[in-house]
PDB file of N, CA and C in Angstrom:
ATOM      1  N   MET A   1      13.360  93.762 -97.581  1.00  0.00           N
ATOM      2  CA  MET A   1      12.681  93.390 -96.353  1.00  0.00           C
ATOM      3  C   MET A   1      11.338  92.746 -96.703  1.00  0.00           C
ATOM      4  N   THR A   2      11.051  91.613 -96.093  1.00  0.00           N
ATOM      5  CA  THR A   2       9.799  90.932 -96.379  1.00  0.00           C
ATOM      6  C   THR A   2       8.657  91.584 -95.606  1.00  0.00           C
ATOM      7  N   LYS A   3       7.481  91.502 -96.191  1.00  0.00           N
ATOM      8  CA  LYS A   3       6.291  92.066 -95.556  1.00  0.00           C
ATOM      9  C   LYS A   3       5.740  91.070 -94.541  1.00  0.00           C
ATOM     10  N   SER A   4       5.160  91.588 -93.487  1.00  0.00           N
ATOM     11  CA  SER A   4       4.525  90.699 -92.518  1.00  0.00           C
ATOM     12  C   SER A   4       3.198  90.214 -93.106  1.00  0.00           C
ATOM     13  N   ALA A   5       2.703  89.122 -92.563  1.00  0.00           N
ATOM     14  CA  ALA A   5       1.426  88.577 -93.032  1.00  0.00           C
ATOM     15  C   ALA A   5       0.308  89.596 -92.819  1.00  0.00           C
ATOM     16  N   THR A   6       0.379  90.358 -91.743  1.00  0.00           N
ATOM     17  CA  THR A   6      -0.640  91.379 -91.464  1.00  0.00           C
ATOM     18  C   THR A   6      -0.657  92.430 -92.561  1.00  0.00           C
ATOM     19  N   ASP A   7       0.516  92.903 -92.970  1.00  0.00           N
ATOM     20  CA  ASP A   7       0.582  93.908 -94.037  1.00  0.00           C
ATOM     21  C   ASP A   7       0.020  93.366 -95.348  1.00  0.00           C
ATOM     22  N   ILE A   8       0.353  92.130 -95.655  1.00  0.00           N
ATOM     23  CA  ILE A   8      -0.131  91.519 -96.895  1.00  0.00           C
ATOM     24  C   ILE A   8      -1.646  91.389 -96.862  1.00  0.00           C
ATOM     25  N   VAL A   9      -2.187  90.903 -95.747  1.00  0.00           N
ATOM     26  CA  VAL A   9      -3.631  90.716 -95.639  1.00  0.00           C
ATOM     27  C   VAL A   9      -4.348  92.067 -95.690  1.00  0.00           C
ATOM     28  N   GLN A  10      -3.785  93.102 -95.067  1.00  0.00           N
ATOM     29  CA  GLN A  10      -4.401  94.429 -95.141  1.00  0.00           C
ATOM     30  C   GLN A  10      -4.440  94.932 -96.578  1.00  0.00           C
ATOM     31  N   ASP A  11      -3.355  94.742 -97.317  1.00  0.00           N
ATOM     32  CA  ASP A  11      -3.331  95.138 -98.726  1.00  0.00           C
ATOM     33  C   ASP A  11      -4.378  94.361 -99.523  1.00  0.00           C
ATOM     34  N   VAL A  12      -4.477  93.074 -99.254  1.00  0.00           N
ATOM     35  CA  VAL A  12      -5.424  92.227 -99.976  1.00  0.00           C
ATOM     36  C   VAL A  12      -6.860  92.653 -99.671  1.00  0.00           C
ATOM     37  N   ILE A  13      -7.153  92.920 -98.407  1.00  0.00           N
ATOM     38  CA  ILE A  13      -8.511  93.331 -98.039  1.00  0.00           C
ATOM     39  C   ILE A  13      -8.853  94.673 -98.666  1.00  0.00           C
ATOM     40  N   ASN A  14      -7.919  95.608 -98.654  1.00  0.00           N
ATOM     41  CA  ASN A  14      -8.151  96.905 -99.291  1.00  0.00           C
ATOM     42  C   ASN A  14      -8.458  96.720-100.777  1.00  0.00           C
ATOM     43  N   THR A  15      -7.670  95.911-101.440  1.00  0.00           N
ATOM     44  CA  THR A  15      -7.895  95.647-102.867  1.00  0.00           C
ATOM     45  C   THR A  15      -9.237  94.964-103.085  1.00  0.00           C
ATOM     46  N   ALA A  16      -9.596  94.026-102.209  1.00  0.00           N
ATOM     47  CA  ALA A  16     -10.868  93.311-102.349  1.00  0.00           C
ATOM     48  C   ALA A  16     -12.052  94.255-102.212  1.00  0.00           C
ATOM     49  N   VAL A  17     -11.978  95.181-101.266  1.00  0.00           N
ATOM     50  CA  VAL A  17     -13.083  96.137-101.079  1.00  0.00           C
ATOM     51  C   VAL A  17     -13.214  97.030-102.300  1.00  0.00           C
ATOM     52  N   VAL A  18     -12.104  97.543-102.784  1.00  0.00           N
ATOM     53  CA  VAL A  18     -12.148  98.415-103.966  1.00  0.00           C
ATOM     54  C   VAL A  18     -12.671  97.644-105.176  1.00  0.00           C
ATOM     55  N   ASP A  19     -12.203  96.409-105.368  1.00  0.00           N
ATOM     56  CA  ASP A  19     -12.678  95.590-106.486  1.00  0.00           C
ATOM     57  C   ASP A  19     -14.179  95.319-106.381  1.00  0.00           C
ATOM     58  N   ALA A  20     -14.679  95.059-105.164  1.00  0.00           N
ATOM     59  CA  ALA A  20     -16.108  94.810-104.982  1.00  0.00           C
ATOM     60  C   ALA A  20     -16.928  96.056-105.286  1.00  0.00           C
ATOM     61  N   ILE A  21     -16.444  97.219-104.883  1.00  0.00           N
ATOM     62  CA  ILE A  21     -17.156  98.473-105.185  1.00  0.00           C
ATOM     63  C   ILE A  21     -17.181  98.720-106.686  1.00  0.00           C
ATOM     64  N   LEU A  22     -16.057  98.499-107.343  1.00  0.00           N
ATOM     65  CA  LEU A  22     -16.022  98.662-108.799  1.00  0.00           C
ATOM     66  C   LEU A  22     -16.943  97.667-109.487  1.00  0.00           C
ATOM     67  N   ALA A  23     -17.025  96.447-108.972  1.00  0.00           N
ATOM     68  CA  ALA A  23     -17.925  95.444-109.544  1.00  0.00           C
ATOM     69  C   ALA A  23     -19.384  95.867-109.370  1.00  0.00           C
ATOM     70  N   LEU A  24     -19.717  96.458-108.226  1.00  0.00           N
ATOM     71  CA  LEU A  24     -21.074  96.962-108.024  1.00  0.00           C
ATOM     72  C   LEU A  24     -21.397  98.074-109.018  1.00  0.00           C
ATOM     73  N   LYS A  25     -20.428  98.948-109.227  1.00  0.00           N
ATOM     74  CA  LYS A  25     -20.637 100.042-110.194  1.00  0.00           C
ATOM     75  C   LYS A  25     -20.853  99.492-111.602  1.00  0.00           C
ATOM     76  N   GLU A  26     -20.043  98.504-111.984  1.00  0.00           N
ATOM     77  CA  GLU A  26     -20.187  97.910-113.312  1.00  0.00           C
ATOM     78  C   GLU A  26     -21.524  97.192-113.459  1.00  0.00           C
ATOM     79  N   ALA A  27     -21.948  96.498-112.391  1.00  0.00           N
ATOM     80  CA  ALA A  27     -23.207  95.754-112.454  1.00  0.00           C
ATOM     81  C   ALA A  27     -24.404  96.687-112.611  1.00  0.00           C
ATOM     82  N   SER A  28     -24.294  97.912-112.101  1.00  0.00           N
ATOM     83  CA  SER A  28     -25.413  98.860-112.214  1.00  0.00           C
ATOM     84  C   SER A  28     -25.487  99.496-113.599  1.00  0.00           C
ATOM     85  N   GLN A  29     -24.464  99.318-114.404  1.00  0.00           N
ATOM     86  CA  GLN A  29     -24.398  99.840-115.779  1.00  0.00           C
ATOM     87  C   GLN A  29     -24.645 101.351-115.833  1.00  0.00           C
ATOM     88  N   GLY A  30     -24.115 102.047-114.833  1.00  0.00           N
ATOM     89  CA  GLY A  30     -24.221 103.504-114.820  1.00  0.00           C
ATOM     90  C   GLY A  30     -25.557 104.039-114.342  1.00  0.00           C
ATOM     91  N   LEU A  31     -26.442 103.170-113.916  1.00  0.00           N
ATOM     92  CA  LEU A  31     -27.753 103.607-113.430  1.00  0.00           C
ATOM     93  C   LEU A  31     -27.681 103.800-111.914  1.00  0.00           C
ATOM     94  N   PRO A  32     -27.820 105.052-111.446  1.00  0.00           N
ATOM     95  CA  PRO A  32     -27.664 105.296-110.010  1.00  0.00           C
ATOM     96  C   PRO A  32     -28.690 104.546-109.155  1.00  0.00           C
ATOM     97  N   ASN A  33     -29.923 104.415-109.641  1.00  0.00           N
ATOM     98  CA  ASN A  33     -30.932 103.710-108.850  1.00  0.00           C
ATOM     99  C   ASN A  33     -30.583 102.235-108.682  1.00  0.00           C
ATOM    100  N   ALA A  34     -30.037 101.621-109.721  1.00  0.00           N
ATOM    101  CA  ALA A  34     -29.636 100.213-109.627  1.00  0.00           C
ATOM    102  C   ALA A  34     -28.476 100.055-108.655  1.00  0.00           C
ATOM    103  N   LEU A  35     -27.546 101.001-108.673  1.00  0.00           N
ATOM    104  CA  LEU A  35     -26.410 100.951-107.751  1.00  0.00           C
ATOM    105  C   LEU A  35     -26.890 101.086-106.311  1.00  0.00           C
ATOM    106  N   ILE A  36     -27.796 102.016-106.061  1.00  0.00           N
ATOM    107  CA  ILE A  36     -28.324 102.208-104.708  1.00  0.00           C
ATOM    108  C   ILE A  36     -29.094 100.964-104.258  1.00  0.00           C
ATOM    109  N   ARG A  37     -29.871 100.376-105.164  1.00  0.00           N
ATOM    110  CA  ARG A  37     -30.619  99.160-104.824  1.00  0.00           C
ATOM    111  C   ARG A  37     -29.666  98.025-104.456  1.00  0.00           C
ATOM    112  N   ASP A  38     -28.594  97.862-105.242  1.00  0.00           N
ATOM    113  CA  ASP A  38     -27.629  96.800-104.946  1.00  0.00           C
ATOM    114  C   ASP A  38     -26.905  97.053-103.626  1.00  0.00           C
ATOM    115  N   LEU A  39     -26.544  98.299-103.363  1.00  0.00           N
ATOM    116  CA  LEU A  39     -25.884  98.630-102.098  1.00  0.00           C
ATOM    117  C   LEU A  39     -26.821  98.397-100.912  1.00  0.00           C
ATOM    118  N   ALA A  40     -28.085  98.771-101.075  1.00  0.00           N
ATOM    119  CA  ALA A  40     -29.046  98.615 -99.989  1.00  0.00           C
ATOM    120  C   ALA A  40     -29.327  97.146 -99.693  1.00  0.00           C
ATOM    121  N   SER A  41     -29.117  96.279-100.667  1.00  0.00           N
ATOM    122  CA  SER A  41     -29.393  94.852-100.451  1.00  0.00           C
ATOM    123  C   SER A  41     -28.282  94.151 -99.673  1.00  0.00           C
ATOM    124  N   ILE A  42     -27.164  94.823 -99.470  1.00  0.00           N
ATOM    125  CA  ILE A  42     -26.035  94.227 -98.751  1.00  0.00           C
ATOM    126  C   ILE A  42     -26.105  94.655 -97.284  1.00  0.00           C
ATOM    127  N   HIS A  43     -26.100  93.676 -96.393  1.00  0.00           N
ATOM    128  CA  HIS A  43     -26.128  93.933 -94.955  1.00  0.00           C
ATOM    129  C   HIS A  43     -25.263  92.890 -94.260  1.00  0.00           C
ATOM    130  N   ALA A  44     -25.194  92.928 -92.944  1.00  0.00           N
ATOM    131  CA  ALA A  44     -24.289  92.060 -92.186  1.00  0.00           C
ATOM    132  C   ALA A  44     -24.584  90.574 -92.380  1.00  0.00           C
ATOM    133  N   ASN A  45     -25.826  90.206 -92.649  1.00  0.00           N
ATOM    134  CA  ASN A  45     -26.176  88.797 -92.794  1.00  0.00           C
ATOM    135  C   ASN A  45     -26.283  88.351 -94.246  1.00  0.00           C
ATOM    136  N   THR A  46     -25.780  89.140 -95.174  1.00  0.00           N
ATOM    137  CA  THR A  46     -25.841  88.781 -96.583  1.00  0.00           C
ATOM    138  C   THR A  46     -24.912  87.603 -96.853  1.00  0.00           C
ATOM    139  N   ALA A  47     -25.458  86.574 -97.457  1.00  0.00           N
ATOM    140  CA  ALA A  47     -24.649  85.404 -97.821  1.00  0.00           C
ATOM    141  C   ALA A  47     -23.931  85.675 -99.140  1.00  0.00           C
ATOM    142  N   PHE A  48     -22.880  84.921 -99.380  1.00  0.00           N
ATOM    143  CA  PHE A  48     -22.106  85.092-100.608  1.00  0.00           C
ATOM    144  C   PHE A  48     -22.999  84.923-101.835  1.00  0.00           C
ATOM    145  N   SER A  49     -23.899  83.945-101.783  1.00  0.00           N
ATOM    146  CA  SER A  49     -24.768  83.680-102.941  1.00  0.00           C
ATOM    147  C   SER A  49     -25.802  84.784-103.163  1.00  0.00           C
ATOM    148  N   ASP A  50     -26.032  85.644-102.159  1.00  0.00           N
ATOM    149  CA  ASP A  50     -26.976  86.752-102.298  1.00  0.00           C
ATOM    150  C   ASP A  50     -26.364  87.963-102.985  1.00  0.00           C
ATOM    151  N   LEU A  51     -25.048  87.989-103.103  1.00  0.00           N
ATOM    152  CA  LEU A  51     -24.378  89.121-103.744  1.00  0.00           C
ATOM    153  C   LEU A  51     -24.594  89.063-105.253  1.00  0.00           C
ATOM    154  N   PRO A  52     -24.549  90.237-105.910  1.00  0.00           N
ATOM    155  CA  PRO A  52     -24.626  90.224-107.381  1.00  0.00           C
ATOM    156  C   PRO A  52     -23.475  89.399-107.958  1.00  0.00           C
ATOM    157  N   SER A  53     -23.696  88.782-109.104  1.00  0.00           N
ATOM    158  CA  SER A  53     -22.688  87.873-109.673  1.00  0.00           C
ATOM    159  C   SER A  53     -21.355  88.571-109.941  1.00  0.00           C
ATOM    160  N   ALA A  54     -21.402  89.847-110.325  1.00  0.00           N
ATOM    161  CA  ALA A  54     -20.149  90.579-110.564  1.00  0.00           C
ATOM    162  C   ALA A  54     -19.346  90.705-109.268  1.00  0.00           C
ATOM    163  N   VAL A  55     -20.029  90.912-108.160  1.00  0.00           N
ATOM    164  CA  VAL A  55     -19.345  91.024-106.868  1.00  0.00           C
ATOM    165  C   VAL A  55     -18.827  89.655-106.438  1.00  0.00           C
ATOM    166  N   GLN A  56     -19.589  88.593-106.690  1.00  0.00           N
ATOM    167  CA  GLN A  56     -19.130  87.242-106.365  1.00  0.00           C
ATOM    168  C   GLN A  56     -17.834  86.926-107.100  1.00  0.00           C
ATOM    169  N   LYS A  57     -17.774  87.287-108.375  1.00  0.00           N
ATOM    170  CA  LYS A  57     -16.558  87.042-109.157  1.00  0.00           C
ATOM    171  C   LYS A  57     -15.388  87.858-108.613  1.00  0.00           C
ATOM    172  N   ALA A  58     -15.653  89.117-108.224  1.00  0.00           N
ATOM    173  CA  ALA A  58     -14.592  89.973-107.682  1.00  0.00           C
ATOM    174  C   ALA A  58     -14.066  89.416-106.357  1.00  0.00           C
ATOM    175  N   VAL A  59     -14.967  88.929-105.506  1.00  0.00           N
ATOM    176  CA  VAL A  59     -14.554  88.357-104.222  1.00  0.00           C
ATOM    177  C   VAL A  59     -13.748  87.083-104.448  1.00  0.00           C
ATOM    178  N   ALA A  60     -14.197  86.223-105.353  1.00  0.00           N
ATOM    179  CA  ALA A  60     -13.466  84.983-105.645  1.00  0.00           C
ATOM    180  C   ALA A  60     -12.059  85.289-106.164  1.00  0.00           C
ATOM    181  N   ALA A  61     -11.947  86.282-107.033  1.00  0.00           N
ATOM    182  CA  ALA A  61     -10.629  86.664-107.548  1.00  0.00           C
ATOM    183  C   ALA A  61      -9.754  87.234-106.430  1.00  0.00           C
ATOM    184  N   SER A  62     -10.353  87.988-105.518  1.00  0.00           N
ATOM    185  CA  SER A  62      -9.596  88.562-104.403  1.00  0.00           C
ATOM    186  C   SER A  62      -9.079  87.484-103.467  1.00  0.00           C
ATOM    187  N   VAL A  63      -9.876  86.459-103.227  1.00  0.00           N
ATOM    188  CA  VAL A  63      -9.438  85.360-102.363  1.00  0.00           C
ATOM    189  C   VAL A  63      -8.278  84.615-103.001  1.00  0.00           C
ATOM    190  N   ARG A  64      -8.397  84.318-104.299  1.00  0.00           N
ATOM    191  CA  ARG A  64      -7.285  83.653-104.999  1.00  0.00           C
ATOM    192  C   ARG A  64      -6.032  84.520-104.935  1.00  0.00           C
ATOM    193  N   ASN A  65      -6.192  85.829-105.130  1.00  0.00           N
ATOM    194  CA  ASN A  65      -5.069  86.756-105.078  1.00  0.00           C
ATOM    195  C   ASN A  65      -4.436  86.773-103.687  1.00  0.00           C
ATOM    196  N   ALA A  66      -5.266  86.710-102.642  1.00  0.00           N
ATOM    197  CA  ALA A  66      -4.743  86.730-101.275  1.00  0.00           C
ATOM    198  C   ALA A  66      -3.849  85.527-101.017  1.00  0.00           C
ATOM    199  N   PHE A  67      -4.323  84.329-101.388  1.00  0.00           N
ATOM    200  CA  PHE A  67      -3.521  83.129-101.170  1.00  0.00           C
ATOM    201  C   PHE A  67      -2.237  83.152-101.986  1.00  0.00           C
ATOM    202  N   SER A  68      -2.330  83.569-103.230  1.00  0.00           N
ATOM    203  CA  SER A  68      -1.112  83.587-104.054  1.00  0.00           C
ATOM    204  C   SER A  68      -0.128  84.640-103.563  1.00  0.00           C
ATOM    205  N   GLN A  69      -0.625  85.782-103.065  1.00  0.00           N
ATOM    206  CA  GLN A  69       0.277  86.806-102.552  1.00  0.00           C
ATOM    207  C   GLN A  69       0.982  86.335-101.287  1.00  0.00           C
ATOM    208  N   LEU A  70       0.252  85.667-100.417  1.00  0.00           N
ATOM    209  CA  LEU A  70       0.884  85.131 -99.212  1.00  0.00           C
ATOM    210  C   LEU A  70       1.926  84.078 -99.566  1.00  0.00           C
ATOM    211  N   GLN A  71       1.624  83.204-100.516  1.00  0.00           N
ATOM    212  CA  GLN A  71       2.578  82.165-100.905  1.00  0.00           C
ATOM    213  C   GLN A  71       3.809  82.762-101.580  1.00  0.00           C
ATOM    214  N   ARG A  72       3.607  83.805-102.392  1.00  0.00           N
ATOM    215  CA  ARG A  72       4.753  84.450-103.039  1.00  0.00           C
ATOM    216  C   ARG A  72       5.702  85.062-102.019  1.00  0.00           C
ATOM    217  N   ASN A  73       5.163  85.480-100.873  1.00  0.00           N
ATOM    218  CA  ASN A  73       5.988  86.094 -99.840  1.00  0.00           C
ATOM    219  C   ASN A  73       6.502  85.081 -98.824  1.00  0.00           C
ATOM    220  N   GLY A  74       6.360  83.786 -99.114  1.00  0.00           N
ATOM    221  CA  GLY A  74       6.969  82.757 -98.291  1.00  0.00           C
ATOM    222  C   GLY A  74       6.090  82.182 -97.201  1.00  0.00           C
ATOM    223  N   TYR A  75       4.830  82.565 -97.135  1.00  0.00           N
ATOM    224  CA  TYR A  75       3.940  82.005 -96.120  1.00  0.00           C
ATOM    225  C   TYR A  75       3.301  80.733 -96.650  1.00  0.00           C
ATOM    226  N   VAL A  76       3.066  79.776 -95.754  1.00  0.00           N
ATOM    227  CA  VAL A  76       2.486  78.501 -96.127  1.00  0.00           C
ATOM    228  C   VAL A  76       1.027  78.494 -95.697  1.00  0.00           C
ATOM    229  N   ILE A  77       0.169  78.117 -96.611  1.00  0.00           N
ATOM    230  CA  ILE A  77      -1.261  78.036 -96.336  1.00  0.00           C
ATOM    231  C   ILE A  77      -1.610  76.556 -96.241  1.00  0.00           C
ATOM    232  N   ALA A  78      -2.211  76.150 -95.123  1.00  0.00           N
ATOM    233  CA  ALA A  78      -2.569  74.741 -94.934  1.00  0.00           C
ATOM    234  C   ALA A  78      -3.833  74.645 -94.102  1.00  0.00           C
ATOM    235  N   GLU A  79      -4.528  73.517 -94.221  1.00  0.00           N
ATOM    236  CA  GLU A  79      -5.685  73.267 -93.378  1.00  0.00           C
ATOM    237  C   GLU A  79      -5.217  73.055 -91.943  1.00  0.00           C
ATOM    238  N   ALA A  80      -6.032  73.445 -90.997  1.00  0.00           N
ATOM    239  CA  ALA A  80      -5.648  73.319 -89.593  1.00  0.00           C
ATOM    240  C   ALA A  80      -5.386  71.872 -89.206  1.00  0.00           C
ATOM    241  N   LYS A  81      -6.193  70.938 -89.716  1.00  0.00           N
ATOM    242  CA  LYS A  81      -6.003  69.546 -89.317  1.00  0.00           C
ATOM    243  C   LYS A  81      -4.786  68.911 -89.968  1.00  0.00           C
ATOM    244  N   SER A  82      -4.237  69.538 -91.020  1.00  0.00           N
ATOM    245  CA  SER A  82      -3.061  68.967 -91.656  1.00  0.00           C
ATOM    246  C   SER A  82      -1.763  69.393 -90.966  1.00  0.00           C
ATOM    247  N   VAL A  83      -1.854  70.387 -90.102  1.00  0.00           N
ATOM    248  CA  VAL A  83      -0.674  70.846 -89.372  1.00  0.00           C
ATOM    249  C   VAL A  83      -0.605  70.063 -88.070  1.00  0.00           C
ATOM    250  N   LEU A  84       0.457  69.318 -87.897  1.00  0.00           N
ATOM    251  CA  LEU A  84       0.600  68.478 -86.713  1.00  0.00           C
ATOM    252  C   LEU A  84       1.073  69.321 -85.529  1.00  0.00           C
ATOM    253  N   PRO A  85       0.517  69.081 -84.344  1.00  0.00           N
ATOM    254  CA  PRO A  85       0.998  69.810 -83.177  1.00  0.00           C
ATOM    255  C   PRO A  85       2.420  69.383 -82.856  1.00  0.00           C
ATOM    256  N   THR A  86       3.197  70.312 -82.353  1.00  0.00           N
ATOM    257  CA  THR A  86       4.587  70.004 -82.029  1.00  0.00           C
ATOM    258  C   THR A  86       4.664  69.395 -80.634  1.00  0.00           C
ATOM    259  N   ALA A  87       5.637  68.535 -80.447  1.00  0.00           N
ATOM    260  CA  ALA A  87       5.849  67.893 -79.149  1.00  0.00           C
ATOM    261  C   ALA A  87       6.457  68.926 -78.200  1.00  0.00           C
ATOM    262  N   PRO A  88       6.177  68.811 -76.900  1.00  0.00           N
ATOM    263  CA  PRO A  88       6.785  69.756 -75.952  1.00  0.00           C
ATOM    264  C   PRO A  88       8.296  69.596 -75.941  1.00  0.00           C
ATOM    265  N   ARG A  89       8.967  70.702 -75.751  1.00  0.00           N
ATOM    266  CA  ARG A  89      10.426  70.673 -75.724  1.00  0.00           C
ATOM    267  C   ARG A  89      10.916  70.066 -74.414  1.00  0.00           C
ATOM    268  N   PRO A  90      11.950  69.264 -74.478  1.00  0.00           N
ATOM    269  CA  PRO A  90      12.492  68.720 -73.229  1.00  0.00           C
ATOM    270  C   PRO A  90      13.177  69.832 -72.435  1.00  0.00           C
ATOM    271  N   THR A  91      13.065  69.756 -71.118  1.00  0.00           N
ATOM    272  CA  THR A  91      13.698  70.775 -70.281  1.00  0.00           C
ATOM    273  C   THR A  91      15.140  70.372 -70.014  1.00  0.00           C
ATOM    274  N   PRO A  92      16.024  71.346 -69.924  1.00  0.00           N
ATOM    275  CA  PRO A  92      17.416  71.031 -69.605  1.00  0.00           C
ATOM    276  C   PRO A  92      17.515  70.383 -68.222  1.00  0.00           C
ATOM    277  N   ALA A  93      18.599  69.658 -67.977  1.00  0.00           N
ATOM    278  CA  ALA A  93      18.760  68.888 -66.748  1.00  0.00           C
ATOM    279  C   ALA A  93      18.710  69.773 -65.506  1.00  0.00           C
ATOM    280  N   GLY A  94      19.289  70.936 -65.532  1.00  0.00           N
ATOM    281  CA  GLY A  94      19.357  71.782 -64.341  1.00  0.00           C
ATOM    282  C   GLY A  94      18.215  72.769 -64.218  1.00  0.00           C
ATOM    283  N   ALA A  95      17.223  72.710 -65.104  1.00  0.00           N
ATOM    284  CA  ALA A  95      16.147  73.698 -65.086  1.00  0.00           C
ATOM    285  C   ALA A  95      15.209  73.464 -63.908  1.00  0.00           C
ATOM    286  N   ALA A  96      14.697  74.563 -63.370  1.00  0.00           N
ATOM    287  CA  ALA A  96      13.764  74.472 -62.243  1.00  0.00           C
ATOM    288  C   ALA A  96      12.403  74.025 -62.750  1.00  0.00           C
ATOM    289  N   THR A  97      11.735  73.216 -61.976  1.00  0.00           N
ATOM    290  CA  THR A  97      10.379  72.793 -62.315  1.00  0.00           C
ATOM    291  C   THR A  97       9.424  73.438 -61.324  1.00  0.00           C
ATOM    292  N   ARG A  98       8.136  73.248 -61.515  1.00  0.00           N
ATOM    293  CA  ARG A  98       7.148  73.865 -60.639  1.00  0.00           C
ATOM    294  C   ARG A  98       7.308  73.388 -59.188  1.00  0.00           C
ATOM    295  N   THR A  99       7.746  72.169 -58.981  1.00  0.00           N
ATOM    296  CA  THR A  99       7.894  71.666 -57.614  1.00  0.00           C
ATOM    297  C   THR A  99       9.121  72.257 -56.938  1.00  0.00           C
ATOM    298  N   ASP A 100      10.047  72.849 -57.709  1.00  0.00           N
ATOM    299  CA  ASP A 100      11.251  73.424 -57.124  1.00  0.00           C
ATOM    300  C   ASP A 100      11.038  74.854 -56.643  1.00  0.00           C
ATOM    301  N   ARG A 101       9.862  75.418 -56.859  1.00  0.00           N
ATOM    302  CA  ARG A 101       9.634  76.814 -56.477  1.00  0.00           C
ATOM    303  C   ARG A 101       9.594  76.970 -54.965  1.00  0.00           C
ATOM    304  N   ALA A 102       9.954  78.154 -54.534  1.00  0.00           N
ATOM    305  CA  ALA A 102       9.882  78.471 -53.106  1.00  0.00           C
ATOM    306  C   ALA A 102       8.421  78.607 -52.704  1.00  0.00           C
ATOM    307  N   PRO A 103       8.090  78.336 -51.435  1.00  0.00           N
ATOM    308  CA  PRO A 103       6.698  78.465 -51.010  1.00  0.00           C
ATOM    309  C   PRO A 103       6.235  79.914 -51.107  1.00  0.00           C
ATOM    310  N   ARG A 104       4.940  80.084 -51.165  1.00  0.00           N
ATOM    311  CA  ARG A 104       4.346  81.415 -51.268  1.00  0.00           C
ATOM    312  C   ARG A 104       4.720  82.230 -50.030  1.00  0.00           C
ATOM    313  N   ARG A 105       5.068  83.491 -50.257  1.00  0.00           N
ATOM    314  CA  ARG A 105       5.460  84.347 -49.138  1.00  0.00           C
ATOM    315  C   ARG A 105       4.296  85.241 -48.746  1.00  0.00           C
ATOM    316  N   GLY A 106       4.366  85.743 -47.520  1.00  0.00           N
ATOM    317  CA  GLY A 106       3.343  86.660 -47.046  1.00  0.00           C
ATOM    318  C   GLY A 106       2.409  85.975 -46.080  1.00  0.00           C
ATOM    319  N   PRO A 107       1.599  86.780 -45.411  1.00  0.00           N
ATOM    320  CA  PRO A 107       0.675  86.205 -44.418  1.00  0.00           C
ATOM    321  C   PRO A 107      -0.433  85.426 -45.104  1.00  0.00           C
ATOM    322  N   PRO A 108      -1.008  84.469 -44.382  1.00  0.00           N
ATOM    323  CA  PRO A 108      -2.116  83.714 -44.959  1.00  0.00           C
ATOM    324  C   PRO A 108      -3.329  84.626 -45.136  1.00  0.00           C
ATOM    325  N   LYS A 109      -4.250  84.219 -45.983  1.00  0.00           N
ATOM    326  CA  LYS A 109      -5.447  85.015 -46.223  1.00  0.00           C
ATOM    327  C   LYS A 109      -6.288  85.065 -44.951  1.00  0.00           C
ATOM    328  N   PRO A 110      -6.927  86.227 -44.690  1.00  0.00           N
ATOM    329  CA  PRO A 110      -7.751  86.329 -43.478  1.00  0.00           C
ATOM    330  C   PRO A 110      -8.945  85.394 -43.539  1.00  0.00           C
ATOM    331  N   GLY A 111      -9.396  84.942 -42.370  1.00  0.00           N
ATOM    332  CA  GLY A 111     -10.580  84.105 -42.300  1.00  0.00           C
ATOM    333  C   GLY A 111     -10.265  82.624 -42.247  1.00  0.00           C
ATOM    334  N   GLY A 112      -9.044  82.265 -42.385  1.00  0.00           N
ATOM    335  CA  GLY A 112      -8.688  80.855 -42.311  1.00  0.00           C
ATOM    336  C   GLY A 112      -9.157  80.085 -43.530  1.00  0.00           C
ATOM    337  N   PRO A 113      -9.170  78.756 -43.422  1.00  0.00           N
ATOM    338  CA  PRO A 113      -9.584  77.950 -44.575  1.00  0.00           C
ATOM    339  C   PRO A 113     -11.069  78.131 -44.859  1.00  0.00           C
ATOM    340  N   ARG A 114     -11.429  78.047 -46.113  1.00  0.00           N
ATOM    341  CA  ARG A 114     -12.828  78.213 -46.510  1.00  0.00           C
ATOM    342  C   ARG A 114     -13.563  76.897 -46.320  1.00  0.00           C
ATOM    343  N   ARG A 115     -14.785  77.025 -45.838  1.00  0.00           N
ATOM    344  CA  ARG A 115     -15.622  75.843 -45.662  1.00  0.00           C
ATOM    345  C   ARG A 115     -16.870  76.007 -46.505  1.00  0.00           C
ATOM    346  N   PRO A 116     -17.400  74.917 -47.017  1.00  0.00           N
ATOM    347  CA  PRO A 116     -18.642  75.039 -47.787  1.00  0.00           C
ATOM    348  C   PRO A 116     -19.787  75.491 -46.883  1.00  0.00           C
ATOM    349  N   PRO A 117     -20.753  76.249 -47.413  1.00  0.00           N
ATOM    350  CA  PRO A 117     -21.865  76.692 -46.576  1.00  0.00           C
ATOM    351  C   PRO A 117     -22.676  75.509 -46.085  1.00  0.00           C
ATOM    352  N   ALA A 118     -23.230  75.675 -44.892  1.00  0.00           N
ATOM    353  CA  ALA A 118     -24.019  74.612 -44.290  1.00  0.00           C
ATOM    354  C   ALA A 118     -25.300  74.437 -45.084  1.00  0.00           C
ATOM    355  N   GLY A 119     -25.758  73.201 -45.216  1.00  0.00           N
ATOM    356  CA  GLY A 119     -26.981  72.928 -45.961  1.00  0.00           C
ATOM    357  C   GLY A 119     -28.209  73.430 -45.216  1.00  0.00           C
ATOM    358  N   ARG A 120     -29.177  73.911 -45.967  1.00  0.00           N
ATOM    359  CA  ARG A 120     -30.397  74.426 -45.345  1.00  0.00           C
ATOM    360  C   ARG A 120     -31.442  73.329 -45.301  1.00  0.00           C
ATOM    361  N   GLY A 121     -32.217  73.322 -44.247  1.00  0.00           N
ATOM    362  CA  GLY A 121     -33.319  72.394 -44.135  1.00  0.00           C
ATOM    363  C   GLY A 121     -32.906  71.005 -43.693  1.00  0.00           C
ATOM    364  N   LYS A 122     -31.651  70.794 -43.381  1.00  0.00           N
ATOM    365  CA  LYS A 122     -31.218  69.479 -42.917  1.00  0.00           C
ATOM    366  C   LYS A 122     -31.370  69.411 -41.403  1.00  0.00           C
ATOM    367  N   SER A 123     -31.689  68.229 -40.865  1.00  0.00           N
ATOM    368  CA  SER A 123     -31.852  68.103 -39.429  1.00  0.00           C
ATOM    369  C   SER A 123     -30.600  67.553 -38.802  1.00  0.00           C
TER     370      SER A 123
END
């Protein structure tokens, strides 16, 4: 049974997080203060270039792994602009169209037709 793209991406993200944590540990060279400093420097607005080089390498490897894993499982990776939109399918000859629908049933809405509010300050 083939894996869904969601399952593959979840596996890849899990591996990427673990690899990044291990890279942080390696970059600290066993020094707890260096590890805490590196962890504290990472926040929601951290850019890729702000990460320690070991983490950058781990993330780059994880991205390559994600694409290759998806391709190995039969998924195609392409740029959005390279994928052509599909033409609408023709409708069968006897199919109902929007103009063939029955009129709306039920009583009309209370208050009658809506009118725009009268302008203020006009004579």
